[in-house]
Amino acid sequence: MDCPNFIAMNIYKNVGITLLAFMVISILACQSKPMKTSDKTYAFRLKPGQDLKLSLDSFVQANQLEAAWIQTAVGSLTDYNIRFANQPNGSKDSGHFEIVSLVGTLSVNGSHIHISVSDSTGKTIGGHLLEGNKIYTTAEIVIGSSKQFQFKREEDGTTPWKELQVKEMPNQ
């Protein structure tokens, strides 16, 4: 057998194996039942002067979200009020800050949100989101929610704080 035919046969063989593997994976994927985790996605924008935490709390209450989370968010603040790790009170500052991260669990039963902001030099700080974070130009927020779970915040004896308790809802 000459070299070009040998190479061509090996290419066809490898392509065939790859196609066969792809077909098997596709069949298995079609037969498996994916777990539904996000029943709904919300996207909205907050405008200048709005309080970030109060607006999120209001949105959660208005939509009666029992198990939700922040999927992504960007925006800017003129004032921040953040409680740093293991501190009893928040720290405040005024100026112009970019929201570089906003994450957390949201529920009518209690939310837990962290924020990171950067100043004009790129210095970044973060911690627990408190009231008093005023939107500068915008806050573009995407929230996912699920009817499969219920989030609650309860003391469980592992810490002195009310911690997240996740309950799976029946028939969801």
N, C-alpha and C. Protein backbone atom coordinates (compact mmCIF):
# COMPACT_ATOMS: atom_id res chain seq x y z
N MET A 1 0.86 -1.16 0.00
CA MET A 1 0.00 0.00 0.00
C MET A 1 0.91 1.22 0.00
N ASP A 2 0.58 2.17 -0.88
CA ASP A 2 1.43 3.37 -0.92
C ASP A 2 1.00 4.36 0.16
N CYS A 3 1.87 5.28 0.49
CA CYS A 3 1.70 6.18 1.63
C CYS A 3 0.45 7.06 1.56
N PRO A 4 0.14 7.71 0.39
CA PRO A 4 -1.07 8.57 0.36
C PRO A 4 -2.35 7.78 0.65
N ASN A 5 -2.46 6.55 0.11
CA ASN A 5 -3.67 5.76 0.37
C ASN A 5 -3.76 5.36 1.83
N PHE A 6 -2.63 5.02 2.45
CA PHE A 6 -2.59 4.66 3.88
C PHE A 6 -3.04 5.83 4.74
N ILE A 7 -2.54 7.02 4.43
CA ILE A 7 -2.94 8.22 5.18
C ILE A 7 -4.42 8.50 4.99
N ALA A 8 -4.91 8.40 3.78
CA ALA A 8 -6.33 8.65 3.50
C ALA A 8 -7.20 7.66 4.26
N MET A 9 -6.79 6.36 4.28
CA MET A 9 -7.59 5.36 4.99
C MET A 9 -7.63 5.66 6.49
N ASN A 10 -6.53 6.09 7.09
CA ASN A 10 -6.50 6.42 8.51
C ASN A 10 -7.34 7.65 8.82
N ILE A 11 -7.35 8.63 7.92
CA ILE A 11 -8.19 9.82 8.12
C ILE A 11 -9.66 9.41 8.12
N TYR A 12 -10.06 8.58 7.12
CA TYR A 12 -11.44 8.14 7.06
C TYR A 12 -11.82 7.33 8.30
N LYS A 13 -10.90 6.50 8.74
CA LYS A 13 -11.13 5.67 9.93
C LYS A 13 -11.33 6.56 11.16
N ASN A 14 -10.45 7.56 11.35
CA ASN A 14 -10.57 8.46 12.51
C ASN A 14 -11.83 9.31 12.43
N VAL A 15 -12.17 9.78 11.24
CA VAL A 15 -13.40 10.55 11.08
C VAL A 15 -14.60 9.68 11.39
N GLY A 16 -14.56 8.44 10.94
CA GLY A 16 -15.66 7.52 11.19
C GLY A 16 -15.85 7.26 12.68
N ILE A 17 -14.74 7.06 13.39
CA ILE A 17 -14.82 6.84 14.84
C ILE A 17 -15.38 8.08 15.53
N THR A 18 -14.92 9.26 15.11
CA THR A 18 -15.42 10.51 15.69
C THR A 18 -16.91 10.67 15.43
N LEU A 19 -17.35 10.39 14.19
CA LEU A 19 -18.78 10.50 13.87
C LEU A 19 -19.60 9.51 14.67
N LEU A 20 -19.09 8.27 14.81
CA LEU A 20 -19.80 7.26 15.59
C LEU A 20 -19.93 7.71 17.05
N ALA A 21 -18.84 8.24 17.63
CA ALA A 21 -18.89 8.73 19.01
C ALA A 21 -19.90 9.87 19.14
N PHE A 22 -19.90 10.77 18.17
CA PHE A 22 -20.85 11.89 18.20
C PHE A 22 -22.28 11.38 18.14
N MET A 23 -22.54 10.37 17.29
CA MET A 23 -23.90 9.83 17.18
C MET A 23 -24.33 9.18 18.49
N VAL A 24 -23.45 8.43 19.13
CA VAL A 24 -23.78 7.78 20.40
C VAL A 24 -24.09 8.82 21.47
N ILE A 25 -23.24 9.85 21.56
CA ILE A 25 -23.46 10.92 22.54
C ILE A 25 -24.77 11.62 22.27
N SER A 26 -25.08 11.87 20.99
CA SER A 26 -26.33 12.55 20.64
C SER A 26 -27.54 11.72 21.04
N ILE A 27 -27.47 10.41 20.79
CA ILE A 27 -28.59 9.53 21.16
C ILE A 27 -28.77 9.52 22.67
N LEU A 28 -27.68 9.38 23.42
CA LEU A 28 -27.78 9.38 24.88
C LEU A 28 -28.32 10.70 25.40
N ALA A 29 -27.89 11.79 24.81
CA ALA A 29 -28.37 13.10 25.25
C ALA A 29 -29.85 13.25 25.00
N CYS A 30 -30.34 12.71 23.90
CA CYS A 30 -31.77 12.80 23.60
C CYS A 30 -32.59 11.93 24.54
N GLN A 31 -32.02 10.82 25.01
CA GLN A 31 -32.75 9.93 25.89
C GLN A 31 -32.73 10.39 27.34
N SER A 32 -31.72 11.16 27.72
CA SER A 32 -31.67 11.61 29.11
C SER A 32 -32.60 12.79 29.29
N LYS A 33 -33.11 12.92 30.49
CA LYS A 33 -34.04 13.99 30.80
C LYS A 33 -33.29 15.08 31.57
N PRO A 34 -33.08 16.24 30.94
CA PRO A 34 -32.33 17.29 31.64
C PRO A 34 -33.10 17.83 32.84
N MET A 35 -32.36 18.17 33.89
CA MET A 35 -32.98 18.75 35.07
C MET A 35 -33.29 20.22 34.80
N LYS A 36 -34.49 20.62 35.01
CA LYS A 36 -34.90 22.00 34.80
C LYS A 36 -34.54 22.81 36.04
N THR A 37 -33.60 23.74 35.89
CA THR A 37 -33.18 24.52 37.05
C THR A 37 -33.64 25.96 36.99
N SER A 38 -33.82 26.50 35.81
CA SER A 38 -34.24 27.88 35.71
C SER A 38 -35.60 27.96 35.04
N ASP A 39 -36.60 28.30 35.80
CA ASP A 39 -37.94 28.41 35.24
C ASP A 39 -38.14 29.73 34.53
N LYS A 40 -37.42 30.77 34.94
CA LYS A 40 -37.66 32.08 34.37
C LYS A 40 -36.41 32.94 34.50
N THR A 41 -36.22 33.80 33.53
CA THR A 41 -35.14 34.77 33.55
C THR A 41 -35.74 36.16 33.44
N TYR A 42 -35.27 37.05 34.28
CA TYR A 42 -35.71 38.44 34.27
C TYR A 42 -34.52 39.32 33.90
N ALA A 43 -34.76 40.34 33.09
CA ALA A 43 -33.71 41.30 32.76
C ALA A 43 -34.32 42.70 32.89
N PHE A 44 -33.60 43.59 33.56
CA PHE A 44 -34.10 44.95 33.74
C PHE A 44 -32.95 45.91 33.99
N ARG A 45 -33.28 47.19 33.94
CA ARG A 45 -32.28 48.24 34.14
C ARG A 45 -32.75 49.17 35.25
N LEU A 46 -31.82 49.48 36.16
CA LEU A 46 -32.08 50.51 37.15
C LEU A 46 -31.51 51.82 36.63
N LYS A 47 -32.13 52.92 37.01
CA LYS A 47 -31.75 54.23 36.47
C LYS A 47 -31.06 55.08 37.53
N PRO A 48 -30.47 56.19 37.10
CA PRO A 48 -29.73 57.06 38.02
C PRO A 48 -30.54 57.42 39.27
N GLY A 49 -29.85 57.36 40.41
CA GLY A 49 -30.45 57.74 41.69
C GLY A 49 -31.15 56.62 42.43
N GLN A 50 -31.47 55.51 41.76
CA GLN A 50 -32.13 54.42 42.45
C GLN A 50 -31.16 53.73 43.40
N ASP A 51 -31.69 53.20 44.50
CA ASP A 51 -30.91 52.45 45.47
C ASP A 51 -30.87 50.99 45.01
N LEU A 52 -29.66 50.45 44.81
CA LEU A 52 -29.50 49.11 44.27
C LEU A 52 -30.15 48.04 45.14
N LYS A 53 -29.86 48.03 46.43
CA LYS A 53 -30.40 46.99 47.32
C LYS A 53 -31.92 47.11 47.46
N LEU A 54 -32.40 48.32 47.69
CA LEU A 54 -33.85 48.51 47.83
C LEU A 54 -34.58 48.11 46.55
N SER A 55 -33.98 48.42 45.41
CA SER A 55 -34.60 48.06 44.13
C SER A 55 -34.63 46.55 43.94
N LEU A 56 -33.55 45.86 44.29
CA LEU A 56 -33.54 44.40 44.19
C LEU A 56 -34.56 43.78 45.14
N ASP A 57 -34.60 44.27 46.38
CA ASP A 57 -35.59 43.77 47.35
C ASP A 57 -37.01 43.99 46.84
N SER A 58 -37.27 45.15 46.28
CA SER A 58 -38.59 45.47 45.75
C SER A 58 -38.95 44.56 44.59
N PHE A 59 -37.99 44.30 43.70
CA PHE A 59 -38.23 43.42 42.56
C PHE A 59 -38.56 42.00 43.03
N VAL A 60 -37.81 41.50 43.99
CA VAL A 60 -38.04 40.16 44.53
C VAL A 60 -39.44 40.06 45.14
N GLN A 61 -39.83 41.07 45.92
CA GLN A 61 -41.16 41.07 46.54
C GLN A 61 -42.26 41.17 45.49
N ALA A 62 -42.09 42.08 44.53
CA ALA A 62 -43.12 42.29 43.50
C ALA A 62 -43.35 41.03 42.67
N ASN A 63 -42.29 40.24 42.45
CA ASN A 63 -42.41 39.03 41.64
C ASN A 63 -42.52 37.76 42.49
N GLN A 64 -42.58 37.92 43.81
CA GLN A 64 -42.72 36.80 44.75
C GLN A 64 -41.74 35.67 44.44
N LEU A 65 -40.46 36.05 44.30
CA LEU A 65 -39.41 35.07 44.00
C LEU A 65 -39.00 34.35 45.28
N GLU A 66 -39.12 33.03 45.27
CA GLU A 66 -38.75 32.23 46.44
C GLU A 66 -37.38 31.59 46.30
N ALA A 67 -36.90 31.45 45.07
CA ALA A 67 -35.56 30.88 44.84
C ALA A 67 -35.00 31.52 43.57
N ALA A 68 -34.18 32.54 43.75
CA ALA A 68 -33.63 33.26 42.61
C ALA A 68 -32.16 33.59 42.87
N TRP A 69 -31.48 34.02 41.84
CA TRP A 69 -30.06 34.35 41.94
C TRP A 69 -29.73 35.39 40.87
N ILE A 70 -28.69 36.14 41.13
CA ILE A 70 -28.24 37.13 40.16
C ILE A 70 -27.32 36.41 39.18
N GLN A 71 -27.69 36.44 37.90
CA GLN A 71 -26.89 35.78 36.88
C GLN A 71 -25.76 36.68 36.40
N THR A 72 -26.05 37.96 36.20
CA THR A 72 -25.03 38.91 35.79
C THR A 72 -25.53 40.32 36.06
N ALA A 73 -24.59 41.23 36.21
CA ALA A 73 -24.95 42.63 36.42
C ALA A 73 -23.73 43.50 36.11
N VAL A 74 -24.00 44.64 35.52
CA VAL A 74 -22.98 45.67 35.30
C VAL A 74 -23.62 47.01 35.54
N GLY A 75 -22.82 48.01 35.83
CA GLY A 75 -23.36 49.34 36.03
C GLY A 75 -22.38 50.21 36.78
N SER A 76 -22.91 51.29 37.35
CA SER A 76 -22.06 52.24 38.05
C SER A 76 -22.81 52.85 39.22
N LEU A 77 -22.04 53.33 40.21
CA LEU A 77 -22.59 53.93 41.42
C LEU A 77 -21.95 55.30 41.66
N THR A 78 -22.70 56.16 42.36
CA THR A 78 -22.11 57.40 42.87
C THR A 78 -21.80 57.26 44.35
N ASP A 79 -22.49 56.37 45.02
CA ASP A 79 -22.28 56.11 46.44
C ASP A 79 -22.31 54.62 46.66
N TYR A 80 -21.41 54.13 47.50
CA TYR A 80 -21.51 52.73 47.90
C TYR A 80 -21.59 52.65 49.41
N ASN A 81 -22.23 51.58 49.86
CA ASN A 81 -22.32 51.23 51.27
C ASN A 81 -22.20 49.71 51.34
N ILE A 82 -21.02 49.25 51.77
CA ILE A 82 -20.68 47.83 51.74
C ILE A 82 -20.20 47.42 53.13
N ARG A 83 -20.67 46.27 53.59
CA ARG A 83 -20.15 45.73 54.85
C ARG A 83 -19.08 44.71 54.52
N PHE A 84 -17.87 44.99 54.97
CA PHE A 84 -16.74 44.09 54.72
C PHE A 84 -16.80 42.89 55.65
N ALA A 85 -16.04 41.87 55.32
CA ALA A 85 -16.04 40.60 56.07
C ALA A 85 -15.80 40.81 57.56
N ASN A 86 -16.68 40.20 58.35
CA ASN A 86 -16.56 40.17 59.80
C ASN A 86 -16.54 41.55 60.45
N GLN A 87 -17.22 42.50 59.84
CA GLN A 87 -17.32 43.86 60.39
C GLN A 87 -18.78 44.12 60.77
N PRO A 88 -19.02 44.83 61.84
CA PRO A 88 -20.40 45.06 62.28
C PRO A 88 -21.13 46.13 61.47
N ASN A 89 -20.39 47.08 60.88
CA ASN A 89 -21.02 48.20 60.16
C ASN A 89 -20.50 48.29 58.73
N GLY A 90 -21.25 49.04 57.92
CA GLY A 90 -20.85 49.23 56.54
C GLY A 90 -19.81 50.33 56.40
N SER A 91 -19.15 50.33 55.25
CA SER A 91 -18.22 51.39 54.87
C SER A 91 -18.80 52.12 53.68
N LYS A 92 -18.74 53.45 53.72
CA LYS A 92 -19.36 54.27 52.68
C LYS A 92 -18.32 55.12 51.99
N ASP A 93 -18.60 55.45 50.73
CA ASP A 93 -17.80 56.41 49.99
C ASP A 93 -18.65 56.97 48.88
N SER A 94 -18.27 58.15 48.41
CA SER A 94 -18.94 58.81 47.29
C SER A 94 -17.92 59.08 46.20
N GLY A 95 -18.36 59.09 44.97
CA GLY A 95 -17.50 59.32 43.81
C GLY A 95 -18.14 58.65 42.61
N HIS A 96 -17.31 58.06 41.77
CA HIS A 96 -17.80 57.31 40.62
C HIS A 96 -17.16 55.93 40.64
N PHE A 97 -18.00 54.90 40.69
CA PHE A 97 -17.54 53.52 40.86
C PHE A 97 -18.22 52.63 39.83
N GLU A 98 -17.45 51.68 39.31
CA GLU A 98 -18.00 50.67 38.40
C GLU A 98 -18.42 49.46 39.22
N ILE A 99 -19.58 48.91 38.92
CA ILE A 99 -19.98 47.62 39.49
C ILE A 99 -19.26 46.55 38.67
N VAL A 100 -18.30 45.87 39.28
CA VAL A 100 -17.57 44.84 38.55
C VAL A 100 -18.07 43.44 38.88
N SER A 101 -18.87 43.33 39.94
CA SER A 101 -19.47 42.05 40.28
C SER A 101 -20.67 42.28 41.20
N LEU A 102 -21.72 41.54 40.96
CA LEU A 102 -22.90 41.54 41.82
C LEU A 102 -23.42 40.12 41.81
N VAL A 103 -23.36 39.45 42.95
CA VAL A 103 -23.75 38.04 43.03
C VAL A 103 -24.59 37.80 44.27
N GLY A 104 -25.41 36.77 44.23
CA GLY A 104 -26.14 36.43 45.43
C GLY A 104 -27.37 35.61 45.19
N THR A 105 -27.94 35.15 46.32
CA THR A 105 -29.21 34.45 46.30
C THR A 105 -30.30 35.42 46.74
N LEU A 106 -31.45 35.29 46.10
CA LEU A 106 -32.57 36.21 46.33
C LEU A 106 -33.81 35.41 46.68
N SER A 107 -34.58 35.93 47.65
CA SER A 107 -35.82 35.26 48.04
C SER A 107 -36.67 36.21 48.86
N VAL A 108 -37.98 36.02 48.76
CA VAL A 108 -38.88 36.77 49.63
C VAL A 108 -38.63 36.39 51.09
N ASN A 109 -37.96 35.27 51.30
CA ASN A 109 -37.62 34.79 52.64
C ASN A 109 -36.26 35.28 53.14
N GLY A 110 -35.62 36.15 52.36
CA GLY A 110 -34.31 36.69 52.73
C GLY A 110 -33.31 36.52 51.61
N SER A 111 -32.53 37.54 51.36
CA SER A 111 -31.52 37.52 50.30
C SER A 111 -30.13 37.70 50.90
N HIS A 112 -29.13 37.33 50.13
CA HIS A 112 -27.73 37.47 50.53
C HIS A 112 -26.96 37.89 49.27
N ILE A 113 -26.53 39.15 49.24
CA ILE A 113 -25.94 39.72 48.03
C ILE A 113 -24.57 40.31 48.34
N HIS A 114 -23.61 40.03 47.48
CA HIS A 114 -22.28 40.63 47.56
C HIS A 114 -22.05 41.50 46.33
N ILE A 115 -21.28 42.57 46.51
CA ILE A 115 -20.94 43.47 45.42
C ILE A 115 -19.45 43.77 45.45
N SER A 116 -18.87 43.96 44.28
CA SER A 116 -17.52 44.48 44.14
C SER A 116 -17.60 45.70 43.24
N VAL A 117 -16.92 46.76 43.65
CA VAL A 117 -16.88 47.99 42.86
C VAL A 117 -15.43 48.43 42.71
N SER A 118 -15.15 49.12 41.60
CA SER A 118 -13.81 49.66 41.39
C SER A 118 -13.91 51.17 41.21
N ASP A 119 -12.84 51.86 41.65
CA ASP A 119 -12.80 53.32 41.51
C ASP A 119 -12.11 53.70 40.20
N SER A 120 -11.84 54.99 40.02
CA SER A 120 -11.26 55.48 38.77
C SER A 120 -9.83 54.99 38.53
N THR A 121 -9.19 54.45 39.55
CA THR A 121 -7.83 53.91 39.39
C THR A 121 -7.85 52.39 39.23
N GLY A 122 -9.03 51.78 39.33
CA GLY A 122 -9.15 50.33 39.22
C GLY A 122 -9.09 49.61 40.55
N LYS A 123 -8.86 50.35 41.63
CA LYS A 123 -8.85 49.72 42.95
C LYS A 123 -10.24 49.14 43.21
N THR A 124 -10.26 47.89 43.59
CA THR A 124 -11.53 47.18 43.75
C THR A 124 -11.73 46.75 45.19
N ILE A 125 -12.95 46.93 45.67
CA ILE A 125 -13.33 46.47 47.01
C ILE A 125 -14.68 45.77 46.91
N GLY A 126 -14.98 44.96 47.89
CA GLY A 126 -16.25 44.26 47.84
C GLY A 126 -16.67 43.75 49.20
N GLY A 127 -17.92 43.38 49.28
CA GLY A 127 -18.49 42.84 50.51
C GLY A 127 -19.99 42.71 50.39
N HIS A 128 -20.66 42.71 51.54
CA HIS A 128 -22.12 42.59 51.59
C HIS A 128 -22.78 43.88 51.11
N LEU A 129 -23.74 43.73 50.22
CA LEU A 129 -24.50 44.88 49.71
C LEU A 129 -25.47 45.37 50.79
N LEU A 130 -25.39 46.65 51.10
CA LEU A 130 -26.30 47.29 52.05
C LEU A 130 -27.12 48.35 51.32
N GLU A 131 -28.09 48.90 52.01
CA GLU A 131 -28.83 50.04 51.44
C GLU A 131 -27.88 51.23 51.33
N GLY A 132 -28.13 52.10 50.34
CA GLY A 132 -27.30 53.28 50.19
C GLY A 132 -26.35 53.21 49.01
N ASN A 133 -26.52 52.21 48.14
CA ASN A 133 -25.72 52.12 46.91
C ASN A 133 -26.54 52.77 45.80
N LYS A 134 -26.17 54.00 45.44
CA LYS A 134 -26.95 54.80 44.49
C LYS A 134 -26.41 54.64 43.07
N ILE A 135 -27.31 54.35 42.15
CA ILE A 135 -26.96 54.17 40.75
C ILE A 135 -26.49 55.50 40.16
N TYR A 136 -25.37 55.45 39.41
CA TYR A 136 -24.85 56.63 38.72
C TYR A 136 -25.49 56.76 37.34
N THR A 137 -25.14 55.87 36.40
CA THR A 137 -25.73 55.93 35.07
C THR A 137 -26.71 54.80 34.80
N THR A 138 -26.37 53.60 35.28
CA THR A 138 -27.21 52.44 34.98
C THR A 138 -26.81 51.28 35.87
N ALA A 139 -27.70 50.33 36.01
CA ALA A 139 -27.39 48.99 36.52
C ALA A 139 -28.23 48.04 35.69
N GLU A 140 -27.55 47.22 34.90
CA GLU A 140 -28.21 46.26 34.03
C GLU A 140 -28.11 44.90 34.70
N ILE A 141 -29.26 44.33 35.03
CA ILE A 141 -29.29 43.15 35.91
C ILE A 141 -30.08 42.02 35.25
N VAL A 142 -29.55 40.80 35.34
CA VAL A 142 -30.25 39.61 34.87
C VAL A 142 -30.38 38.66 36.06
N ILE A 143 -31.60 38.23 36.32
CA ILE A 143 -31.91 37.35 37.46
C ILE A 143 -32.55 36.07 36.94
N GLY A 144 -32.11 34.94 37.45
CA GLY A 144 -32.74 33.66 37.16
C GLY A 144 -33.53 33.20 38.37
N SER A 145 -34.60 32.45 38.12
CA SER A 145 -35.40 31.95 39.24
C SER A 145 -35.86 30.53 38.95
N SER A 146 -36.19 29.81 40.01
CA SER A 146 -36.63 28.44 39.89
C SER A 146 -37.82 28.18 40.80
N LYS A 147 -38.76 27.40 40.30
CA LYS A 147 -39.88 26.94 41.12
C LYS A 147 -39.56 25.57 41.72
N GLN A 148 -38.38 25.03 41.37
CA GLN A 148 -37.97 23.72 41.87
C GLN A 148 -37.52 23.79 43.33
N PHE A 149 -37.09 25.00 43.76
CA PHE A 149 -36.57 25.16 45.11
C PHE A 149 -37.25 26.30 45.85
N GLN A 150 -37.05 26.30 47.14
CA GLN A 150 -37.44 27.42 47.99
C GLN A 150 -36.21 27.75 48.84
N PHE A 151 -35.81 29.03 48.83
CA PHE A 151 -34.69 29.48 49.65
C PHE A 151 -35.24 30.12 50.90
N LYS A 152 -34.68 29.75 52.03
CA LYS A 152 -35.02 30.38 53.31
C LYS A 152 -33.71 30.69 54.04
N ARG A 153 -33.77 31.60 54.99
CA ARG A 153 -32.62 31.94 55.81
C ARG A 153 -33.01 31.65 57.25
N GLU A 154 -32.31 30.68 57.84
CA GLU A 154 -32.62 30.27 59.21
C GLU A 154 -31.33 30.00 59.97
N GLU A 155 -31.40 30.21 61.27
CA GLU A 155 -30.27 29.81 62.12
C GLU A 155 -30.24 28.29 62.15
N ASP A 156 -29.05 27.75 61.95
CA ASP A 156 -28.94 26.29 61.97
C ASP A 156 -27.89 25.80 62.97
N GLY A 157 -27.36 26.73 63.77
CA GLY A 157 -26.40 26.36 64.80
C GLY A 157 -24.96 26.26 64.34
N THR A 158 -24.72 26.33 63.04
CA THR A 158 -23.34 26.25 62.56
C THR A 158 -22.64 27.61 62.61
N THR A 159 -23.42 28.69 62.56
CA THR A 159 -22.89 30.05 62.66
C THR A 159 -23.88 30.87 63.48
N PRO A 160 -23.51 32.07 63.88
CA PRO A 160 -24.47 32.90 64.62
C PRO A 160 -25.49 33.61 63.70
N TRP A 161 -25.38 33.40 62.38
CA TRP A 161 -26.25 34.11 61.44
C TRP A 161 -27.30 33.19 60.84
N LYS A 162 -28.30 33.80 60.26
CA LYS A 162 -29.29 33.05 59.49
C LYS A 162 -28.65 32.69 58.16
N GLU A 163 -28.55 31.40 57.90
CA GLU A 163 -27.88 30.90 56.70
C GLU A 163 -28.90 30.31 55.72
N LEU A 164 -28.48 30.18 54.47
CA LEU A 164 -29.33 29.66 53.42
C LEU A 164 -29.73 28.22 53.70
N GLN A 165 -31.02 27.95 53.59
CA GLN A 165 -31.58 26.61 53.66
C GLN A 165 -32.33 26.40 52.35
N VAL A 166 -32.03 25.34 51.67
CA VAL A 166 -32.64 25.06 50.37
C VAL A 166 -33.60 23.90 50.52
N LYS A 167 -34.83 24.13 50.11
CA LYS A 167 -35.85 23.08 50.16
C LYS A 167 -36.26 22.77 48.72
N GLU A 168 -36.23 21.50 48.35
CA GLU A 168 -36.70 21.11 47.03
C GLU A 168 -38.22 21.00 47.08
N MET A 169 -38.85 21.63 46.11
CA MET A 169 -40.31 21.66 46.07
C MET A 169 -40.82 20.40 45.37
N PRO A 170 -41.89 19.80 45.84
CA PRO A 170 -42.43 18.59 45.22
C PRO A 170 -43.09 18.90 43.87
N ASN A 171 -43.07 17.89 42.99
CA ASN A 171 -43.77 17.98 41.70
C ASN A 171 -43.35 19.18 40.86
N GLN A 172 -42.09 19.48 40.84
CA GLN A 172 -41.65 20.62 40.01
C GLN A 172 -40.84 20.13 38.85
